[in-house]
Amino acid sequence: LAVWVGGNVGLAWMQFRLSRQIVAAAAEMHIAVECGLRTPLYEAMVSGLSDYRKLYADIRGQVAGGVEHLQPLLNARYDLFYKLTVQKHRFRI
């Protein structure tokens, strides 16, 4: 019984010390994050915005380039629609 109580007290003491060490490390981590990561995070955010603008311009270029591939399909669709409309009016008479 004495060994069991002693082991539990020792375990509780180790848990208490470990939790205090974690809290102390976390308090110092806030300072490191505040000082050390502010500039890199700002630069990453700014570069992400500029990359987004570049991506947007690339997509607009791809859409504009795709119009020449879509135009023959659109012309064929309009032609088919016209022929079907004529047939519809022809059989209605």
PDB file of N, CA and C in Angstrom:
ATOM      1  N   LEU A   1       0.830  -1.190   0.000  1.00  0.00           N
ATOM      2  CA  LEU A   1       0.000   0.000   0.000  1.00  0.00           C
ATOM      3  C   LEU A   1       0.872   1.250   0.000  1.00  0.00           C
ATOM      4  N   ALA A   2       1.977   1.193   0.778  1.00  0.00           N
ATOM      5  CA  ALA A   2       2.877   2.343   0.856  1.00  0.00           C
ATOM      6  C   ALA A   2       3.550   2.597  -0.506  1.00  0.00           C
ATOM      7  N   VAL A   3       3.920   1.524  -1.206  1.00  0.00           N
ATOM      8  CA  VAL A   3       4.542   1.683  -2.520  1.00  0.00           C
ATOM      9  C   VAL A   3       3.547   2.286  -3.507  1.00  0.00           C
ATOM     10  N   TRP A   4       2.291   1.809  -3.443  1.00  0.00           N
ATOM     11  CA  TRP A   4       1.259   2.332  -4.332  1.00  0.00           C
ATOM     12  C   TRP A   4       0.998   3.808  -4.072  1.00  0.00           C
ATOM     13  N   VAL A   5       0.869   4.211  -2.813  1.00  0.00           N
ATOM     14  CA  VAL A   5       0.647   5.617  -2.447  1.00  0.00           C
ATOM     15  C   VAL A   5       1.865   6.441  -2.856  1.00  0.00           C
ATOM     16  N   GLY A   6       3.042   5.926  -2.590  1.00  0.00           N
ATOM     17  CA  GLY A   6       4.265   6.654  -2.968  1.00  0.00           C
ATOM     18  C   GLY A   6       4.364   6.828  -4.479  1.00  0.00           C
ATOM     19  N   GLY A   7       4.016   5.793  -5.248  1.00  0.00           N
ATOM     20  CA  GLY A   7       4.033   5.881  -6.704  1.00  0.00           C
ATOM     21  C   GLY A   7       3.034   6.892  -7.229  1.00  0.00           C
ATOM     22  N   ASN A   8       1.827   6.908  -6.640  1.00  0.00           N
ATOM     23  CA  ASN A   8       0.813   7.876  -7.065  1.00  0.00           C
ATOM     24  C   ASN A   8       1.214   9.304  -6.727  1.00  0.00           C
ATOM     25  N   VAL A   9       1.795   9.504  -5.558  1.00  0.00           N
ATOM     26  CA  VAL A   9       2.258  10.843  -5.184  1.00  0.00           C
ATOM     27  C   VAL A   9       3.384  11.280  -6.105  1.00  0.00           C
ATOM     28  N   GLY A  10       4.307  10.382  -6.412  1.00  0.00           N
ATOM     29  CA  GLY A  10       5.398  10.710  -7.338  1.00  0.00           C
ATOM     30  C   GLY A  10       4.873  11.031  -8.732  1.00  0.00           C
ATOM     31  N   LEU A  11       3.908  10.249  -9.195  1.00  0.00           N
ATOM     32  CA  LEU A  11       3.308  10.497 -10.504  1.00  0.00           C
ATOM     33  C   LEU A  11       2.588  11.843 -10.529  1.00  0.00           C
ATOM     34  N   ALA A  12       1.843  12.156  -9.470  1.00  0.00           N
ATOM     35  CA  ALA A  12       1.147  13.443  -9.394  1.00  0.00           C
ATOM     36  C   ALA A  12       2.159  14.586  -9.395  1.00  0.00           C
ATOM     37  N   TRP A  13       3.267  14.427  -8.669  1.00  0.00           N
ATOM     38  CA  TRP A  13       4.304  15.466  -8.625  1.00  0.00           C
ATOM     39  C   TRP A  13       4.925  15.660 -10.015  1.00  0.00           C
ATOM     40  N   MET A  14       5.200  14.566 -10.710  1.00  0.00           N
ATOM     41  CA  MET A  14       5.777  14.678 -12.053  1.00  0.00           C
ATOM     42  C   MET A  14       4.798  15.334 -13.026  1.00  0.00           C
ATOM     43  N   GLN A  15       3.518  15.011 -12.915  1.00  0.00           N
ATOM     44  CA  GLN A  15       2.510  15.642 -13.771  1.00  0.00           C
ATOM     45  C   GLN A  15       2.434  17.143 -13.483  1.00  0.00           C
ATOM     46  N   PHE A  16       2.500  17.512 -12.208  1.00  0.00           N
ATOM     47  CA  PHE A  16       2.454  18.924 -11.828  1.00  0.00           C
ATOM     48  C   PHE A  16       3.655  19.680 -12.397  1.00  0.00           C
ATOM     49  N   ARG A  17       4.859  19.107 -12.247  1.00  0.00           N
ATOM     50  CA  ARG A  17       6.065  19.758 -12.772  1.00  0.00           C
ATOM     51  C   ARG A  17       6.019  19.864 -14.295  1.00  0.00           C
ATOM     52  N   LEU A  18       5.580  18.805 -14.955  1.00  0.00           N
ATOM     53  CA  LEU A  18       5.498  18.809 -16.404  1.00  0.00           C
ATOM     54  C   LEU A  18       4.491  19.841 -16.900  1.00  0.00           C
ATOM     55  N   SER A  19       3.355  19.943 -16.241  1.00  0.00           N
ATOM     56  CA  SER A  19       2.362  20.937 -16.660  1.00  0.00           C
ATOM     57  C   SER A  19       2.883  22.358 -16.468  1.00  0.00           C
ATOM     58  N   ARG A  20       3.629  22.608 -15.404  1.00  0.00           N
ATOM     59  CA  ARG A  20       4.211  23.948 -15.194  1.00  0.00           C
ATOM     60  C   ARG A  20       5.277  24.250 -16.245  1.00  0.00           C
ATOM     61  N   GLN A  21       6.063  23.252 -16.628  1.00  0.00           N
ATOM     62  CA  GLN A  21       7.063  23.453 -17.669  1.00  0.00           C
ATOM     63  C   GLN A  21       6.400  23.748 -19.015  1.00  0.00           C
ATOM     64  N   ILE A  22       5.304  23.060 -19.300  1.00  0.00           N
ATOM     65  CA  ILE A  22       4.588  23.309 -20.564  1.00  0.00           C
ATOM     66  C   ILE A  22       4.010  24.714 -20.569  1.00  0.00           C
ATOM     67  N   VAL A  23       3.430  25.146 -19.468  1.00  0.00           N
ATOM     68  CA  VAL A  23       2.877  26.500 -19.384  1.00  0.00           C
ATOM     69  C   VAL A  23       3.981  27.539 -19.540  1.00  0.00           C
ATOM     70  N   ALA A  24       5.134  27.316 -18.936  1.00  0.00           N
ATOM     71  CA  ALA A  24       6.260  28.256 -19.062  1.00  0.00           C
ATOM     72  C   ALA A  24       6.760  28.295 -20.505  1.00  0.00           C
ATOM     73  N   ALA A  25       6.858  27.153 -21.152  1.00  0.00           N
ATOM     74  CA  ALA A  25       7.305  27.124 -22.548  1.00  0.00           C
ATOM     75  C   ALA A  25       6.300  27.801 -23.454  1.00  0.00           C
ATOM     76  N   ALA A  26       5.007  27.618 -23.176  1.00  0.00           N
ATOM     77  CA  ALA A  26       3.979  28.261 -23.991  1.00  0.00           C
ATOM     78  C   ALA A  26       4.013  29.773 -23.822  1.00  0.00           C
ATOM     79  N   ALA A  27       4.321  30.259 -22.623  1.00  0.00           N
ATOM     80  CA  ALA A  27       4.411  31.705 -22.403  1.00  0.00           C
ATOM     81  C   ALA A  27       5.575  32.300 -23.196  1.00  0.00           C
ATOM     82  N   GLU A  28       6.694  31.599 -23.254  1.00  0.00           N
ATOM     83  CA  GLU A  28       7.830  32.074 -24.042  1.00  0.00           C
ATOM     84  C   GLU A  28       7.565  31.948 -25.534  1.00  0.00           C
ATOM     85  N   MET A  29       6.747  30.986 -25.917  1.00  0.00           N
ATOM     86  CA  MET A  29       6.445  30.785 -27.325  1.00  0.00           C
ATOM     87  C   MET A  29       5.678  31.977 -27.903  1.00  0.00           C
ATOM     88  N   HIS A  30       4.817  32.576 -27.103  1.00  0.00           N
ATOM     89  CA  HIS A  30       4.058  33.734 -27.562  1.00  0.00           C
ATOM     90  C   HIS A  30       5.001  34.871 -27.960  1.00  0.00           C
ATOM     91  N   ILE A  31       6.030  35.086 -27.177  1.00  0.00           N
ATOM     92  CA  ILE A  31       7.006  36.134 -27.489  1.00  0.00           C
ATOM     93  C   ILE A  31       7.744  35.798 -28.778  1.00  0.00           C
ATOM     94  N   ALA A  32       8.137  34.546 -28.937  1.00  0.00           N
ATOM     95  CA  ALA A  32       8.856  34.145 -30.149  1.00  0.00           C
ATOM     96  C   ALA A  32       7.971  34.284 -31.381  1.00  0.00           C
ATOM     97  N   VAL A  33       6.726  33.909 -31.260  1.00  0.00           N
ATOM     98  CA  VAL A  33       5.810  34.035 -32.399  1.00  0.00           C
ATOM     99  C   VAL A  33       5.572  35.498 -32.716  1.00  0.00           C
ATOM    100  N   GLU A  34       5.376  36.301 -31.695  1.00  0.00           N
ATOM    101  CA  GLU A  34       5.107  37.736 -31.894  1.00  0.00           C
ATOM    102  C   GLU A  34       6.276  38.424 -32.585  1.00  0.00           C
ATOM    103  N   CYS A  35       7.485  38.147 -32.136  1.00  0.00           N
ATOM    104  CA  CYS A  35       8.660  38.836 -32.688  1.00  0.00           C
ATOM    105  C   CYS A  35       9.184  38.173 -33.959  1.00  0.00           C
ATOM    106  N   GLY A  36       9.300  36.876 -33.936  1.00  0.00           N
ATOM    107  CA  GLY A  36       9.989  36.184 -35.020  1.00  0.00           C
ATOM    108  C   GLY A  36       9.151  35.885 -36.237  1.00  0.00           C
ATOM    109  N   LEU A  37       7.845  35.740 -36.080  1.00  0.00           N
ATOM    110  CA  LEU A  37       7.028  35.316 -37.206  1.00  0.00           C
ATOM    111  C   LEU A  37       6.164  36.424 -37.807  1.00  0.00           C
ATOM    112  N   ARG A  38       6.153  37.584 -37.203  1.00  0.00           N
ATOM    113  CA  ARG A  38       5.294  38.648 -37.719  1.00  0.00           C
ATOM    114  C   ARG A  38       5.695  39.038 -39.131  1.00  0.00           C
ATOM    115  N   THR A  39       6.963  39.293 -39.360  1.00  0.00           N
ATOM    116  CA  THR A  39       7.426  39.703 -40.690  1.00  0.00           C
ATOM    117  C   THR A  39       7.276  38.577 -41.719  1.00  0.00           C
ATOM    118  N   PRO A  40       7.705  37.349 -41.444  1.00  0.00           N
ATOM    119  CA  PRO A  40       7.496  36.295 -42.451  1.00  0.00           C
ATOM    120  C   PRO A  40       6.021  36.038 -42.769  1.00  0.00           C
ATOM    121  N   LEU A  41       5.150  36.105 -41.765  1.00  0.00           N
ATOM    122  CA  LEU A  41       3.729  35.903 -42.032  1.00  0.00           C
ATOM    123  C   LEU A  41       3.157  37.030 -42.878  1.00  0.00           C
ATOM    124  N   TYR A  42       3.592  38.264 -42.621  1.00  0.00           N
ATOM    125  CA  TYR A  42       3.132  39.391 -43.420  1.00  0.00           C
ATOM    126  C   TYR A  42       3.605  39.242 -44.869  1.00  0.00           C
ATOM    127  N   GLU A  43       4.870  38.856 -45.047  1.00  0.00           N
ATOM    128  CA  GLU A  43       5.397  38.674 -46.401  1.00  0.00           C
ATOM    129  C   GLU A  43       4.686  37.530 -47.117  1.00  0.00           C
ATOM    130  N   ALA A  44       4.378  36.467 -46.402  1.00  0.00           N
ATOM    131  CA  ALA A  44       3.658  35.349 -47.023  1.00  0.00           C
ATOM    132  C   ALA A  44       2.253  35.776 -47.433  1.00  0.00           C
ATOM    133  N   MET A  45       1.610  36.588 -46.595  1.00  0.00           N
ATOM    134  CA  MET A  45       0.271  37.057 -46.926  1.00  0.00           C
ATOM    135  C   MET A  45       0.300  37.965 -48.151  1.00  0.00           C
ATOM    136  N   VAL A  46       1.266  38.877 -48.201  1.00  0.00           N
ATOM    137  CA  VAL A  46       1.367  39.788 -49.337  1.00  0.00           C
ATOM    138  C   VAL A  46       1.703  39.025 -50.613  1.00  0.00           C
ATOM    139  N   SER A  47       2.613  38.076 -50.539  1.00  0.00           N
ATOM    140  CA  SER A  47       2.961  37.311 -51.737  1.00  0.00           C
ATOM    141  C   SER A  47       1.785  36.442 -52.175  1.00  0.00           C
ATOM    142  N   GLY A  48       0.987  35.955 -51.217  1.00  0.00           N
ATOM    143  CA  GLY A  48      -0.204  35.194 -51.575  1.00  0.00           C
ATOM    144  C   GLY A  48      -1.200  36.040 -52.324  1.00  0.00           C
ATOM    145  N   LEU A  49      -1.353  37.308 -51.935  1.00  0.00           N
ATOM    146  CA  LEU A  49      -2.270  38.192 -52.655  1.00  0.00           C
ATOM    147  C   LEU A  49      -1.763  38.484 -54.054  1.00  0.00           C
ATOM    148  N   SER A  50      -0.475  38.706 -54.188  1.00  0.00           N
ATOM    149  CA  SER A  50       0.056  38.984 -55.518  1.00  0.00           C
ATOM    150  C   SER A  50      -0.018  37.743 -56.397  1.00  0.00           C
ATOM    151  N   ASP A  51       0.188  36.558 -55.816  1.00  0.00           N
ATOM    152  CA  ASP A  51       0.048  35.322 -56.590  1.00  0.00           C
ATOM    153  C   ASP A  51      -1.394  35.134 -57.032  1.00  0.00           C
ATOM    154  N   TYR A  52      -2.347  35.523 -56.178  1.00  0.00           N
ATOM    155  CA  TYR A  52      -3.752  35.402 -56.542  1.00  0.00           C
ATOM    156  C   TYR A  52      -4.071  36.301 -57.729  1.00  0.00           C
ATOM    157  N   ARG A  53      -3.538  37.522 -57.726  1.00  0.00           N
ATOM    158  CA  ARG A  53      -3.771  38.426 -58.857  1.00  0.00           C
ATOM    159  C   ARG A  53      -3.185  37.838 -60.136  1.00  0.00           C
ATOM    160  N   LYS A  54      -2.009  37.224 -60.042  1.00  0.00           N
ATOM    161  CA  LYS A  54      -1.397  36.608 -61.213  1.00  0.00           C
ATOM    162  C   LYS A  54      -2.237  35.437 -61.685  1.00  0.00           C
ATOM    163  N   LEU A  55      -2.725  34.625 -60.762  1.00  0.00           N
ATOM    164  CA  LEU A  55      -3.568  33.496 -61.122  1.00  0.00           C
ATOM    165  C   LEU A  55      -4.850  33.979 -61.799  1.00  0.00           C
ATOM    166  N   TYR A  56      -5.428  35.049 -61.299  1.00  0.00           N
ATOM    167  CA  TYR A  56      -6.638  35.599 -61.881  1.00  0.00           C
ATOM    168  C   TYR A  56      -6.373  36.044 -63.314  1.00  0.00           C
ATOM    169  N   ALA A  57      -5.247  36.690 -63.555  1.00  0.00           N
ATOM    170  CA  ALA A  57      -4.905  37.129 -64.905  1.00  0.00           C
ATOM    171  C   ALA A  57      -4.671  35.918 -65.814  1.00  0.00           C
ATOM    172  N   ASP A  58      -4.040  34.879 -65.295  1.00  0.00           N
ATOM    173  CA  ASP A  58      -3.815  33.664 -66.091  1.00  0.00           C
ATOM    174  C   ASP A  58      -5.130  33.013 -66.491  1.00  0.00           C
ATOM    175  N   ILE A  59      -6.066  32.944 -65.574  1.00  0.00           N
ATOM    176  CA  ILE A  59      -7.359  32.327 -65.864  1.00  0.00           C
ATOM    177  C   ILE A  59      -8.121  33.153 -66.896  1.00  0.00           C
ATOM    178  N   ARG A  60      -8.069  34.474 -66.766  1.00  0.00           N
ATOM    179  CA  ARG A  60      -8.742  35.317 -67.763  1.00  0.00           C
ATOM    180  C   ARG A  60      -8.125  35.094 -69.141  1.00  0.00           C
ATOM    181  N   GLY A  61      -6.815  34.933 -69.201  1.00  0.00           N
ATOM    182  CA  GLY A  61      -6.164  34.659 -70.475  1.00  0.00           C
ATOM    183  C   GLY A  61      -6.586  33.315 -71.051  1.00  0.00           C
ATOM    184  N   GLN A  62      -6.734  32.323 -70.200  1.00  0.00           N
ATOM    185  CA  GLN A  62      -7.171  31.011 -70.665  1.00  0.00           C
ATOM    186  C   GLN A  62      -8.603  31.054 -71.185  1.00  0.00           C
ATOM    187  N   VAL A  63      -9.460  31.799 -70.506  1.00  0.00           N
ATOM    188  CA  VAL A  63     -10.847  31.923 -70.963  1.00  0.00           C
ATOM    189  C   VAL A  63     -10.891  32.653 -72.293  1.00  0.00           C
ATOM    190  N   ALA A  64     -10.127  33.722 -72.404  1.00  0.00           N
ATOM    191  CA  ALA A  64     -10.096  34.462 -73.666  1.00  0.00           C
ATOM    192  C   ALA A  64      -9.541  33.587 -74.792  1.00  0.00           C
ATOM    193  N   GLY A  65      -8.556  32.777 -74.501  1.00  0.00           N
ATOM    194  CA  GLY A  65      -8.004  31.877 -75.509  1.00  0.00           C
ATOM    195  C   GLY A  65      -8.961  30.751 -75.857  1.00  0.00           C
ATOM    196  N   GLY A  66      -9.831  30.366 -74.923  1.00  0.00           N
ATOM    197  CA  GLY A  66     -10.785  29.299 -75.168  1.00  0.00           C
ATOM    198  C   GLY A  66     -11.948  29.720 -76.042  1.00  0.00           C
ATOM    199  N   VAL A  67     -12.158  31.031 -76.195  1.00  0.00           N
ATOM    200  CA  VAL A  67     -13.268  31.514 -77.011  1.00  0.00           C
ATOM    201  C   VAL A  67     -13.096  31.073 -78.458  1.00  0.00           C
ATOM    202  N   GLU A  68     -11.888  31.099 -78.963  1.00  0.00           N
ATOM    203  CA  GLU A  68     -11.680  30.690 -80.354  1.00  0.00           C
ATOM    204  C   GLU A  68     -11.959  29.206 -80.559  1.00  0.00           C
ATOM    205  N   HIS A  69     -11.813  28.393 -79.508  1.00  0.00           N
ATOM    206  CA  HIS A  69     -12.157  26.981 -79.613  1.00  0.00           C
ATOM    207  C   HIS A  69     -13.665  26.762 -79.458  1.00  0.00           C
ATOM    208  N   LEU A  70     -14.318  27.644 -78.714  1.00  0.00           N
ATOM    209  CA  LEU A  70     -15.752  27.500 -78.500  1.00  0.00           C
ATOM    210  C   LEU A  70     -16.588  28.085 -79.634  1.00  0.00           C
ATOM    211  N   GLN A  71     -16.057  29.024 -80.369  1.00  0.00           N
ATOM    212  CA  GLN A  71     -16.840  29.697 -81.407  1.00  0.00           C
ATOM    213  C   GLN A  71     -17.378  28.738 -82.466  1.00  0.00           C
ATOM    214  N   PRO A  72     -16.598  27.780 -82.978  1.00  0.00           N
ATOM    215  CA  PRO A  72     -17.186  26.829 -83.937  1.00  0.00           C
ATOM    216  C   PRO A  72     -18.320  25.999 -83.323  1.00  0.00           C
ATOM    217  N   LEU A  73     -18.182  25.630 -82.066  1.00  0.00           N
ATOM    218  CA  LEU A  73     -19.254  24.880 -81.408  1.00  0.00           C
ATOM    219  C   LEU A  73     -20.501  25.730 -81.244  1.00  0.00           C
ATOM    220  N   LEU A  74     -20.326  26.992 -80.889  1.00  0.00           N
ATOM    221  CA  LEU A  74     -21.478  27.891 -80.758  1.00  0.00           C
ATOM    222  C   LEU A  74     -22.162  28.099 -82.103  1.00  0.00           C
ATOM    223  N   ASN A  75     -21.374  28.252 -83.169  1.00  0.00           N
ATOM    224  CA  ASN A  75     -21.951  28.417 -84.499  1.00  0.00           C
ATOM    225  C   ASN A  75     -22.742  27.180 -84.906  1.00  0.00           C
ATOM    226  N   ALA A  76     -22.206  25.993 -84.625  1.00  0.00           N
ATOM    227  CA  ALA A  76     -22.915  24.757 -84.943  1.00  0.00           C
ATOM    228  C   ALA A  76     -24.206  24.654 -84.139  1.00  0.00           C
ATOM    229  N   ARG A  77     -24.175  25.088 -82.894  1.00  0.00           N
ATOM    230  CA  ARG A  77     -25.379  25.061 -82.054  1.00  0.00           C
ATOM    231  C   ARG A  77     -26.434  25.998 -82.608  1.00  0.00           C
ATOM    232  N   TYR A  78     -26.038  27.218 -82.964  1.00  0.00           N
ATOM    233  CA  TYR A  78     -27.005  28.171 -83.517  1.00  0.00           C
ATOM    234  C   TYR A  78     -27.587  27.648 -84.826  1.00  0.00           C
ATOM    235  N   ASP A  79     -26.754  27.028 -85.657  1.00  0.00           N
ATOM    236  CA  ASP A  79     -27.227  26.471 -86.920  1.00  0.00           C
ATOM    237  C   ASP A  79     -28.228  25.351 -86.670  1.00  0.00           C
ATOM    238  N   LEU A  80     -27.924  24.450 -85.750  1.00  0.00           N
ATOM    239  CA  LEU A  80     -28.830  23.352 -85.420  1.00  0.00           C
ATOM    240  C   LEU A  80     -30.129  23.882 -84.828  1.00  0.00           C
ATOM    241  N   PHE A  81     -30.031  24.887 -83.957  1.00  0.00           N
ATOM    242  CA  PHE A  81     -31.228  25.478 -83.365  1.00  0.00           C
ATOM    243  C   PHE A  81     -32.110  26.103 -84.449  1.00  0.00           C
ATOM    244  N   TYR A  82     -31.496  26.784 -85.413  1.00  0.00           N
ATOM    245  CA  TYR A  82     -32.247  27.394 -86.501  1.00  0.00           C
ATOM    246  C   TYR A  82     -32.955  26.329 -87.332  1.00  0.00           C
ATOM    247  N   LYS A  83     -32.250  25.248 -87.670  1.00  0.00           N
ATOM    248  CA  LYS A  83     -32.846  24.180 -88.471  1.00  0.00           C
ATOM    249  C   LYS A  83     -34.003  23.502 -87.730  1.00  0.00           C
ATOM    250  N   LEU A  84     -33.829  23.280 -86.419  1.00  0.00           N
ATOM    251  CA  LEU A  84     -34.904  22.663 -85.644  1.00  0.00           C
ATOM    252  C   LEU A  84     -36.115  23.590 -85.532  1.00  0.00           C
ATOM    253  N   THR A  85     -35.860  24.869 -85.398  1.00  0.00           N
ATOM    254  CA  THR A  85     -36.962  25.827 -85.329  1.00  0.00           C
ATOM    255  C   THR A  85     -37.737  25.847 -86.634  1.00  0.00           C
ATOM    256  N   VAL A  86     -37.027  25.817 -87.749  1.00  0.00           N
ATOM    257  CA  VAL A  86     -37.687  25.785 -89.053  1.00  0.00           C
ATOM    258  C   VAL A  86     -38.526  24.516 -89.190  1.00  0.00           C
ATOM    259  N   GLN A  87     -37.985  23.389 -88.766  1.00  0.00           N
ATOM    260  CA  GLN A  87     -38.721  22.127 -88.852  1.00  0.00           C
ATOM    261  C   GLN A  87     -39.965  22.158 -87.974  1.00  0.00           C
ATOM    262  N   LYS A  88     -39.836  22.753 -86.816  1.00  0.00           N
ATOM    263  CA  LYS A  88     -40.978  22.846 -85.907  1.00  0.00           C
ATOM    264  C   LYS A  88     -42.094  23.656 -86.532  1.00  0.00           C
ATOM    265  N   HIS A  89     -41.746  24.779 -87.160  1.00  0.00           N
ATOM    266  CA  HIS A  89     -42.770  25.612 -87.803  1.00  0.00           C
ATOM    267  C   HIS A  89     -43.326  24.931 -89.044  1.00  0.00           C
ATOM    268  N   ARG A  90     -42.518  24.170 -89.712  1.00  0.00           N
ATOM    269  CA  ARG A  90     -42.970  23.471 -90.941  1.00  0.00           C
ATOM    270  C   ARG A  90     -44.034  22.431 -90.587  1.00  0.00           C
ATOM    271  N   PHE A  91     -43.819  21.657 -89.519  1.00  0.00           N
ATOM    272  CA  PHE A  91     -44.785  20.615 -89.183  1.00  0.00           C
ATOM    273  C   PHE A  91     -46.007  21.171 -88.461  1.00  0.00           C
ATOM    274  N   ARG A  92     -45.935  22.376 -88.009  1.00  0.00           N
ATOM    275  CA  ARG A  92     -47.057  22.984 -87.318  1.00  0.00           C
ATOM    276  C   ARG A  92     -48.117  23.419 -88.336  1.00  0.00           C
ATOM    277  N   ILE A  93     -47.686  23.725 -89.543  1.00  0.00           N
ATOM    278  CA  ILE A  93     -48.609  24.236 -90.579  1.00  0.00           C
ATOM    279  C   ILE A  93     -49.532  23.185 -91.082  1.00  0.00           C
TER     280      ILE A  93
END
